[in-house]
Amino acid sequence: MEALLSALLAAALAELGDKTQWLALALAIRFRDQGGTVLSGIVLAAIVNAAIASAAGAAIGTMLTREAATLMLGFSRVSAGITMARRA
């Protein structure tokens, strides 16, 4: 349970300031009287997004060798680091 909470906290902090959060806030303010509808839509979209990403990851994961997956992970981390350094 501790690992799950740590992962959720890390993901929440990583996504802080994401454009989707600003959109959700704008929709919640605009449709204040329909708060449950906005929240339900956000939750449904998050579930569908996670399902698509999981299915794609499972399909692609079976096609890659361990070395190729490690190389792709390394490239993605380096490119993320370069992107963050450029924005700073």
PDB file of N, CA and C in Angstrom:
ATOM      1  N   MET A   1       0.829  -1.197   0.000  1.00  0.00           N
ATOM      2  CA  MET A   1       0.000   0.000   0.000  1.00  0.00           C
ATOM      3  C   MET A   1       0.866   1.250   0.000  1.00  0.00           C
ATOM      4  N   GLU A   2       1.991   1.184   0.710  1.00  0.00           N
ATOM      5  CA  GLU A   2       2.893   2.335   0.766  1.00  0.00           C
ATOM      6  C   GLU A   2       3.463   2.655  -0.621  1.00  0.00           C
ATOM      7  N   ALA A   3       3.807   1.607  -1.375  1.00  0.00           N
ATOM      8  CA  ALA A   3       4.339   1.821  -2.717  1.00  0.00           C
ATOM      9  C   ALA A   3       3.291   2.440  -3.626  1.00  0.00           C
ATOM     10  N   LEU A   4       2.039   2.009  -3.493  1.00  0.00           N
ATOM     11  CA  LEU A   4       0.959   2.562  -4.312  1.00  0.00           C
ATOM     12  C   LEU A   4       0.762   4.046  -4.007  1.00  0.00           C
ATOM     13  N   LEU A   5       0.726   4.391  -2.731  1.00  0.00           N
ATOM     14  CA  LEU A   5       0.545   5.799  -2.361  1.00  0.00           C
ATOM     15  C   LEU A   5       1.724   6.652  -2.819  1.00  0.00           C
ATOM     16  N   SER A   6       2.925   6.115  -2.729  1.00  0.00           N
ATOM     17  CA  SER A   6       4.099   6.852  -3.208  1.00  0.00           C
ATOM     18  C   SER A   6       4.026   7.093  -4.710  1.00  0.00           C
ATOM     19  N   ALA A   7       3.607   6.072  -5.441  1.00  0.00           N
ATOM     20  CA  ALA A   7       3.487   6.213  -6.895  1.00  0.00           C
ATOM     21  C   ALA A   7       2.401   7.212  -7.262  1.00  0.00           C
ATOM     22  N   LEU A   8       1.272   7.160  -6.564  1.00  0.00           N
ATOM     23  CA  LEU A   8       0.194   8.108  -6.844  1.00  0.00           C
ATOM     24  C   LEU A   8       0.625   9.539  -6.526  1.00  0.00           C
ATOM     25  N   LEU A   9       1.326   9.723  -5.428  1.00  0.00           N
ATOM     26  CA  LEU A   9       1.806  11.055  -5.067  1.00  0.00           C
ATOM     27  C   LEU A   9       2.812  11.563  -6.093  1.00  0.00           C
ATOM     28  N   ALA A  10       3.719  10.706  -6.517  1.00  0.00           N
ATOM     29  CA  ALA A  10       4.705  11.104  -7.517  1.00  0.00           C
ATOM     30  C   ALA A  10       4.031  11.474  -8.838  1.00  0.00           C
ATOM     31  N   ALA A  11       3.041  10.701  -9.254  1.00  0.00           N
ATOM     32  CA  ALA A  11       2.326  11.007 -10.496  1.00  0.00           C
ATOM     33  C   ALA A  11       1.558  12.308 -10.378  1.00  0.00           C
ATOM     34  N   ALA A  12       0.928  12.539  -9.232  1.00  0.00           N
ATOM     35  CA  ALA A  12       0.180  13.779  -9.034  1.00  0.00           C
ATOM     36  C   ALA A  12       1.110  14.987  -9.064  1.00  0.00           C
ATOM     37  N   LEU A  13       2.256  14.878  -8.439  1.00  0.00           N
ATOM     38  CA  LEU A  13       3.210  15.992  -8.450  1.00  0.00           C
ATOM     39  C   LEU A  13       3.801  16.217  -9.840  1.00  0.00           C
ATOM     40  N   ALA A  14       4.018  15.133 -10.573  1.00  0.00           N
ATOM     41  CA  ALA A  14       4.578  15.264 -11.921  1.00  0.00           C
ATOM     42  C   ALA A  14       3.595  15.941 -12.871  1.00  0.00           C
ATOM     43  N   GLU A  15       2.313  15.729 -12.656  1.00  0.00           N
ATOM     44  CA  GLU A  15       1.295  16.282 -13.535  1.00  0.00           C
ATOM     45  C   GLU A  15       0.816  17.666 -13.105  1.00  0.00           C
ATOM     46  N   LEU A  16       1.342  18.186 -12.017  1.00  0.00           N
ATOM     47  CA  LEU A  16       0.915  19.482 -11.516  1.00  0.00           C
ATOM     48  C   LEU A  16       1.128  20.553 -12.583  1.00  0.00           C
ATOM     49  N   GLY A  17       0.108  21.314 -12.854  1.00  0.00           N
ATOM     50  CA  GLY A  17       0.230  22.367 -13.860  1.00  0.00           C
ATOM     51  C   GLY A  17      -0.040  21.896 -15.274  1.00  0.00           C
ATOM     52  N   ASP A  18      -0.477  20.680 -15.426  1.00  0.00           N
ATOM     53  CA  ASP A  18      -0.783  20.136 -16.739  1.00  0.00           C
ATOM     54  C   ASP A  18      -1.978  20.886 -17.342  1.00  0.00           C
ATOM     55  N   LYS A  19      -1.991  21.013 -18.645  1.00  0.00           N
ATOM     56  CA  LYS A  19      -3.081  21.737 -19.318  1.00  0.00           C
ATOM     57  C   LYS A  19      -4.437  21.095 -19.075  1.00  0.00           C
ATOM     58  N   THR A  20      -4.471  19.783 -18.915  1.00  0.00           N
ATOM     59  CA  THR A  20      -5.751  19.130 -18.665  1.00  0.00           C
ATOM     60  C   THR A  20      -6.323  19.528 -17.311  1.00  0.00           C
ATOM     61  N   GLN A  21      -5.461  19.788 -16.348  1.00  0.00           N
ATOM     62  CA  GLN A  21      -5.955  20.251 -15.053  1.00  0.00           C
ATOM     63  C   GLN A  21      -6.581  21.630 -15.175  1.00  0.00           C
ATOM     64  N   TRP A  22      -5.965  22.490 -15.960  1.00  0.00           N
ATOM     65  CA  TRP A  22      -6.527  23.831 -16.172  1.00  0.00           C
ATOM     66  C   TRP A  22      -7.871  23.739 -16.897  1.00  0.00           C
ATOM     67  N   LEU A  23      -7.966  22.824 -17.856  1.00  0.00           N
ATOM     68  CA  LEU A  23      -9.229  22.627 -18.565  1.00  0.00           C
ATOM     69  C   LEU A  23     -10.307  22.106 -17.621  1.00  0.00           C
ATOM     70  N   ALA A  24      -9.942  21.153 -16.776  1.00  0.00           N
ATOM     71  CA  ALA A  24     -10.900  20.621 -15.816  1.00  0.00           C
ATOM     72  C   ALA A  24     -11.370  21.709 -14.851  1.00  0.00           C
ATOM     73  N   LEU A  25     -10.458  22.538 -14.410  1.00  0.00           N
ATOM     74  CA  LEU A  25     -10.823  23.638 -13.522  1.00  0.00           C
ATOM     75  C   LEU A  25     -11.757  24.618 -14.224  1.00  0.00           C
ATOM     76  N   ALA A  26     -11.452  24.954 -15.470  1.00  0.00           N
ATOM     77  CA  ALA A  26     -12.305  25.873 -16.226  1.00  0.00           C
ATOM     78  C   ALA A  26     -13.707  25.302 -16.427  1.00  0.00           C
ATOM     79  N   LEU A  27     -13.790  24.017 -16.751  1.00  0.00           N
ATOM     80  CA  LEU A  27     -15.097  23.384 -16.926  1.00  0.00           C
ATOM     81  C   LEU A  27     -15.874  23.316 -15.610  1.00  0.00           C
ATOM     82  N   ALA A  28     -15.155  23.017 -14.530  1.00  0.00           N
ATOM     83  CA  ALA A  28     -15.823  22.943 -13.230  1.00  0.00           C
ATOM     84  C   ALA A  28     -16.368  24.308 -12.818  1.00  0.00           C
ATOM     85  N   ILE A  29     -15.639  25.366 -13.139  1.00  0.00           N
ATOM     86  CA  ILE A  29     -16.108  26.716 -12.807  1.00  0.00           C
ATOM     87  C   ILE A  29     -17.279  27.103 -13.707  1.00  0.00           C
ATOM     88  N   ARG A  30     -17.154  26.813 -14.989  1.00  0.00           N
ATOM     89  CA  ARG A  30     -18.203  27.196 -15.933  1.00  0.00           C
ATOM     90  C   ARG A  30     -19.515  26.461 -15.661  1.00  0.00           C
ATOM     91  N   PHE A  31     -19.409  25.164 -15.384  1.00  0.00           N
ATOM     92  CA  PHE A  31     -20.596  24.352 -15.136  1.00  0.00           C
ATOM     93  C   PHE A  31     -20.685  24.021 -13.650  1.00  0.00           C
ATOM     94  N   ARG A  32     -20.660  25.044 -12.831  1.00  0.00           N
ATOM     95  CA  ARG A  32     -20.630  24.884 -11.378  1.00  0.00           C
ATOM     96  C   ARG A  32     -21.831  24.092 -10.867  1.00  0.00           C
ATOM     97  N   ASP A  33     -22.997  24.316 -11.454  1.00  0.00           N
ATOM     98  CA  ASP A  33     -24.196  23.623 -11.000  1.00  0.00           C
ATOM     99  C   ASP A  33     -24.223  22.154 -11.424  1.00  0.00           C
ATOM    100  N   GLN A  34     -23.362  21.776 -12.365  1.00  0.00           N
ATOM    101  CA  GLN A  34     -23.293  20.388 -12.836  1.00  0.00           C
ATOM    102  C   GLN A  34     -21.948  19.776 -12.455  1.00  0.00           C
ATOM    103  N   GLY A  35     -21.507  20.018 -11.235  1.00  0.00           N
ATOM    104  CA  GLY A  35     -20.191  19.550 -10.784  1.00  0.00           C
ATOM    105  C   GLY A  35     -20.001  18.055 -10.902  1.00  0.00           C
ATOM    106  N   GLY A  36     -21.054  17.293 -10.612  1.00  0.00           N
ATOM    107  CA  GLY A  36     -20.950  15.841 -10.706  1.00  0.00           C
ATOM    108  C   GLY A  36     -20.726  15.373 -12.125  1.00  0.00           C
ATOM    109  N   THR A  37     -21.341  16.060 -13.076  1.00  0.00           N
ATOM    110  CA  THR A  37     -21.183  15.696 -14.480  1.00  0.00           C
ATOM    111  C   THR A  37     -19.751  15.946 -14.944  1.00  0.00           C
ATOM    112  N   VAL A  38     -19.205  17.086 -14.573  1.00  0.00           N
ATOM    113  CA  VAL A  38     -17.825  17.414 -14.955  1.00  0.00           C
ATOM    114  C   VAL A  38     -16.859  16.418 -14.329  1.00  0.00           C
ATOM    115  N   LEU A  39     -17.033  16.142 -13.056  1.00  0.00           N
ATOM    116  CA  LEU A  39     -16.155  15.197 -12.370  1.00  0.00           C
ATOM    117  C   LEU A  39     -16.271  13.803 -12.971  1.00  0.00           C
ATOM    118  N   SER A  40     -17.471  13.379 -13.286  1.00  0.00           N
ATOM    119  CA  SER A  40     -17.670  12.064 -13.904  1.00  0.00           C
ATOM    120  C   SER A  40     -16.983  11.986 -15.265  1.00  0.00           C
ATOM    121  N   GLY A  41     -17.086  13.068 -16.044  1.00  0.00           N
ATOM    122  CA  GLY A  41     -16.424  13.102 -17.346  1.00  0.00           C
ATOM    123  C   GLY A  41     -14.914  13.036 -17.223  1.00  0.00           C
ATOM    124  N   ILE A  42     -14.362  13.735 -16.241  1.00  0.00           N
ATOM    125  CA  ILE A  42     -12.916  13.722 -16.030  1.00  0.00           C
ATOM    126  C   ILE A  42     -12.449  12.324 -15.626  1.00  0.00           C
ATOM    127  N   VAL A  43     -13.187  11.690 -14.706  1.00  0.00           N
ATOM    128  CA  VAL A  43     -12.824  10.346 -14.259  1.00  0.00           C
ATOM    129  C   VAL A  43     -12.925   9.351 -15.413  1.00  0.00           C
ATOM    130  N   LEU A  44     -13.991   9.441 -16.194  1.00  0.00           N
ATOM    131  CA  LEU A  44     -14.161   8.538 -17.335  1.00  0.00           C
ATOM    132  C   LEU A  44     -13.031   8.728 -18.358  1.00  0.00           C
ATOM    133  N   ALA A  45     -12.691   9.970 -18.638  1.00  0.00           N
ATOM    134  CA  ALA A  45     -11.602  10.236 -19.590  1.00  0.00           C
ATOM    135  C   ALA A  45     -10.275   9.687 -19.082  1.00  0.00           C
ATOM    136  N   ALA A  46     -10.021   9.813 -17.782  1.00  0.00           N
ATOM    137  CA  ALA A  46      -8.776   9.281 -17.212  1.00  0.00           C
ATOM    138  C   ALA A  46      -8.728   7.755 -17.313  1.00  0.00           C
ATOM    139  N   ILE A  47      -9.863   7.112 -17.062  1.00  0.00           N
ATOM    140  CA  ILE A  47      -9.917   5.653 -17.157  1.00  0.00           C
ATOM    141  C   ILE A  47      -9.700   5.188 -18.593  1.00  0.00           C
ATOM    142  N   VAL A  48     -10.357   5.835 -19.545  1.00  0.00           N
ATOM    143  CA  VAL A  48     -10.197   5.464 -20.958  1.00  0.00           C
ATOM    144  C   VAL A  48      -8.750   5.704 -21.412  1.00  0.00           C
ATOM    145  N   ASN A  49      -8.172   6.827 -20.995  1.00  0.00           N
ATOM    146  CA  ASN A  49      -6.788   7.132 -21.348  1.00  0.00           C
ATOM    147  C   ASN A  49      -5.840   6.062 -20.801  1.00  0.00           C
ATOM    148  N   ALA A  50      -6.028   5.667 -19.549  1.00  0.00           N
ATOM    149  CA  ALA A  50      -5.178   4.644 -18.950  1.00  0.00           C
ATOM    150  C   ALA A  50      -5.365   3.295 -19.642  1.00  0.00           C
ATOM    151  N   ALA A  51      -6.600   2.980 -20.022  1.00  0.00           N
ATOM    152  CA  ALA A  51      -6.866   1.708 -20.696  1.00  0.00           C
ATOM    153  C   ALA A  51      -6.191   1.651 -22.064  1.00  0.00           C
ATOM    154  N   ILE A  52      -6.272   2.740 -22.803  1.00  0.00           N
ATOM    155  CA  ILE A  52      -5.622   2.784 -24.124  1.00  0.00           C
ATOM    156  C   ILE A  52      -4.114   2.669 -23.980  1.00  0.00           C
ATOM    157  N   ALA A  53      -3.556   3.411 -23.029  1.00  0.00           N
ATOM    158  CA  ALA A  53      -2.104   3.360 -22.823  1.00  0.00           C
ATOM    159  C   ALA A  53      -1.659   1.967 -22.386  1.00  0.00           C
ATOM    160  N   SER A  54      -2.437   1.324 -21.531  1.00  0.00           N
ATOM    161  CA  SER A  54      -2.095  -0.027 -21.070  1.00  0.00           C
ATOM    162  C   SER A  54      -2.158  -1.034 -22.212  1.00  0.00           C
ATOM    163  N   ALA A  55      -3.196  -0.942 -23.021  1.00  0.00           N
ATOM    164  CA  ALA A  55      -3.324  -1.868 -24.146  1.00  0.00           C
ATOM    165  C   ALA A  55      -2.197  -1.669 -25.152  1.00  0.00           C
ATOM    166  N   ALA A  56      -1.870  -0.416 -25.436  1.00  0.00           N
ATOM    167  CA  ALA A  56      -0.781  -0.145 -26.372  1.00  0.00           C
ATOM    168  C   ALA A  56       0.548  -0.631 -25.806  1.00  0.00           C
ATOM    169  N   GLY A  57       0.777  -0.392 -24.524  1.00  0.00           N
ATOM    170  CA  GLY A  57       2.014  -0.852 -23.894  1.00  0.00           C
ATOM    171  C   GLY A  57       2.130  -2.362 -23.895  1.00  0.00           C
ATOM    172  N   ALA A  58       1.023  -3.046 -23.631  1.00  0.00           N
ATOM    173  CA  ALA A  58       1.045  -4.508 -23.631  1.00  0.00           C
ATOM    174  C   ALA A  58       1.315  -5.049 -25.034  1.00  0.00           C
ATOM    175  N   ALA A  59       0.711  -4.423 -26.041  1.00  0.00           N
ATOM    176  CA  ALA A  59       0.909  -4.887 -27.420  1.00  0.00           C
ATOM    177  C   ALA A  59       2.333  -4.628 -27.886  1.00  0.00           C
ATOM    178  N   ILE A  60       2.835  -3.450 -27.615  1.00  0.00           N
ATOM    179  CA  ILE A  60       4.190  -3.104 -28.054  1.00  0.00           C
ATOM    180  C   ILE A  60       5.231  -3.870 -27.248  1.00  0.00           C
ATOM    181  N   GLY A  61       4.949  -4.086 -25.965  1.00  0.00           N
ATOM    182  CA  GLY A  61       5.901  -4.786 -25.108  1.00  0.00           C
ATOM    183  C   GLY A  61       6.212  -6.193 -25.559  1.00  0.00           C
ATOM    184  N   THR A  62       5.241  -6.853 -26.153  1.00  0.00           N
ATOM    185  CA  THR A  62       5.485  -8.221 -26.624  1.00  0.00           C
ATOM    186  C   THR A  62       6.329  -8.243 -27.891  1.00  0.00           C
ATOM    187  N   MET A  63       6.395  -7.132 -28.600  1.00  0.00           N
ATOM    188  CA  MET A  63       7.148  -7.067 -29.854  1.00  0.00           C
ATOM    189  C   MET A  63       8.613  -6.684 -29.645  1.00  0.00           C
ATOM    190  N   LEU A  64       8.945  -6.131 -28.490  1.00  0.00           N
ATOM    191  CA  LEU A  64      10.290  -5.616 -28.261  1.00  0.00           C
ATOM    192  C   LEU A  64      11.150  -6.599 -27.482  1.00  0.00           C
ATOM    193  N   THR A  65      12.423  -6.591 -27.801  1.00  0.00           N
ATOM    194  CA  THR A  65      13.360  -7.334 -26.970  1.00  0.00           C
ATOM    195  C   THR A  65      13.662  -6.480 -25.732  1.00  0.00           C
ATOM    196  N   ARG A  66      14.245  -7.094 -24.735  1.00  0.00           N
ATOM    197  CA  ARG A  66      14.571  -6.364 -23.507  1.00  0.00           C
ATOM    198  C   ARG A  66      15.570  -5.241 -23.794  1.00  0.00           C
ATOM    199  N   GLU A  67      16.524  -5.494 -24.661  1.00  0.00           N
ATOM    200  CA  GLU A  67      17.528  -4.480 -24.998  1.00  0.00           C
ATOM    201  C   GLU A  67      16.887  -3.289 -25.710  1.00  0.00           C
ATOM    202  N   ALA A  68      15.964  -3.569 -26.625  1.00  0.00           N
ATOM    203  CA  ALA A  68      15.290  -2.489 -27.345  1.00  0.00           C
ATOM    204  C   ALA A  68      14.435  -1.656 -26.398  1.00  0.00           C
ATOM    205  N   ALA A  69      13.751  -2.309 -25.469  1.00  0.00           N
ATOM    206  CA  ALA A  69      12.932  -1.581 -24.498  1.00  0.00           C
ATOM    207  C   ALA A  69      13.807  -0.711 -23.601  1.00  0.00           C
ATOM    208  N   THR A  70      14.943  -1.242 -23.176  1.00  0.00           N
ATOM    209  CA  THR A  70      15.867  -0.473 -22.344  1.00  0.00           C
ATOM    210  C   THR A  70      16.417   0.728 -23.113  1.00  0.00           C
ATOM    211  N   LEU A  71      16.751   0.532 -24.371  1.00  0.00           N
ATOM    212  CA  LEU A  71      17.256   1.616 -25.197  1.00  0.00           C
ATOM    213  C   LEU A  71      16.196   2.701 -25.396  1.00  0.00           C
ATOM    214  N   MET A  72      14.960   2.300 -25.658  1.00  0.00           N
ATOM    215  CA  MET A  72      13.875   3.280 -25.823  1.00  0.00           C
ATOM    216  C   MET A  72      13.625   4.048 -24.538  1.00  0.00           C
ATOM    217  N   LEU A  73      13.674   3.366 -23.404  1.00  0.00           N
ATOM    218  CA  LEU A  73      13.494   4.033 -22.123  1.00  0.00           C
ATOM    219  C   LEU A  73      14.614   5.039 -21.889  1.00  0.00           C
ATOM    220  N   GLY A  74      15.834   4.647 -22.202  1.00  0.00           N
ATOM    221  CA  GLY A  74      16.967   5.563 -22.049  1.00  0.00           C
ATOM    222  C   GLY A  74      16.821   6.800 -22.915  1.00  0.00           C
ATOM    223  N   PHE A  75      16.451   6.612 -24.163  1.00  0.00           N
ATOM    224  CA  PHE A  75      16.259   7.758 -25.062  1.00  0.00           C
ATOM    225  C   PHE A  75      15.137   8.669 -24.580  1.00  0.00           C
ATOM    226  N   SER A  76      14.054   8.086 -24.074  1.00  0.00           N
ATOM    227  CA  SER A  76      12.945   8.915 -23.599  1.00  0.00           C
ATOM    228  C   SER A  76      13.359   9.726 -22.380  1.00  0.00           C
ATOM    229  N   ARG A  77      14.149   9.138 -21.493  1.00  0.00           N
ATOM    230  CA  ARG A  77      14.610   9.882 -20.308  1.00  0.00           C
ATOM    231  C   ARG A  77      15.574  11.001 -20.695  1.00  0.00           C
ATOM    232  N   VAL A  78      16.471  10.718 -21.607  1.00  0.00           N
ATOM    233  CA  VAL A  78      17.414  11.747 -22.041  1.00  0.00           C
ATOM    234  C   VAL A  78      16.681  12.884 -22.745  1.00  0.00           C
ATOM    235  N   SER A  79      15.725  12.552 -23.606  1.00  0.00           N
ATOM    236  CA  SER A  79      14.975  13.615 -24.300  1.00  0.00           C
ATOM    237  C   SER A  79      14.128  14.419 -23.325  1.00  0.00           C
ATOM    238  N   ALA A  80      13.570  13.777 -22.309  1.00  0.00           N
ATOM    239  CA  ALA A  80      12.818  14.518 -21.301  1.00  0.00           C
ATOM    240  C   ALA A  80      13.734  15.444 -20.525  1.00  0.00           C
ATOM    241  N   GLY A  81      14.914  14.985 -20.200  1.00  0.00           N
ATOM    242  CA  GLY A  81      15.876  15.829 -19.501  1.00  0.00           C
ATOM    243  C   GLY A  81      16.307  17.021 -20.324  1.00  0.00           C
ATOM    244  N   ILE A  82      16.540  16.809 -21.613  1.00  0.00           N
ATOM    245  CA  ILE A  82      16.922  17.914 -22.499  1.00  0.00           C
ATOM    246  C   ILE A  82      15.784  18.916 -22.606  1.00  0.00           C
ATOM    247  N   THR A  83      14.571  18.434 -22.736  1.00  0.00           N
ATOM    248  CA  THR A  83      13.410  19.321 -22.820  1.00  0.00           C
ATOM    249  C   THR A  83      13.271  20.149 -21.549  1.00  0.00           C
ATOM    250  N   MET A  84      13.430  19.527 -20.395  1.00  0.00           N
ATOM    251  CA  MET A  84      13.334  20.266 -19.131  1.00  0.00           C
ATOM    252  C   MET A  84      14.456  21.285 -19.001  1.00  0.00           C
ATOM    253  N   ALA A  85      15.643  20.912 -19.427  1.00  0.00           N
ATOM    254  CA  ALA A  85      16.774  21.845 -19.338  1.00  0.00           C
ATOM    255  C   ALA A  85      16.556  23.059 -20.254  1.00  0.00           C
ATOM    256  N   ARG A  86      15.983  22.837 -21.407  1.00  0.00           N
ATOM    257  CA  ARG A  86      15.727  23.954 -22.334  1.00  0.00           C
ATOM    258  C   ARG A  86      14.697  24.915 -21.784  1.00  0.00           C
ATOM    259  N   ARG A  87      13.703  24.387 -21.056  1.00  0.00           N
ATOM    260  CA  ARG A  87      12.634  25.233 -20.511  1.00  0.00           C
ATOM    261  C   ARG A  87      13.107  26.012 -19.286  1.00  0.00           C
ATOM    262  N   ALA A  88      14.125  25.551 -18.636  1.00  0.00           N
ATOM    263  CA  ALA A  88      14.588  26.208 -17.402  1.00  0.00           C
ATOM    264  C   ALA A  88      15.368  27.474 -17.675  1.00  0.00           C
TER     265      ALA A  88
END
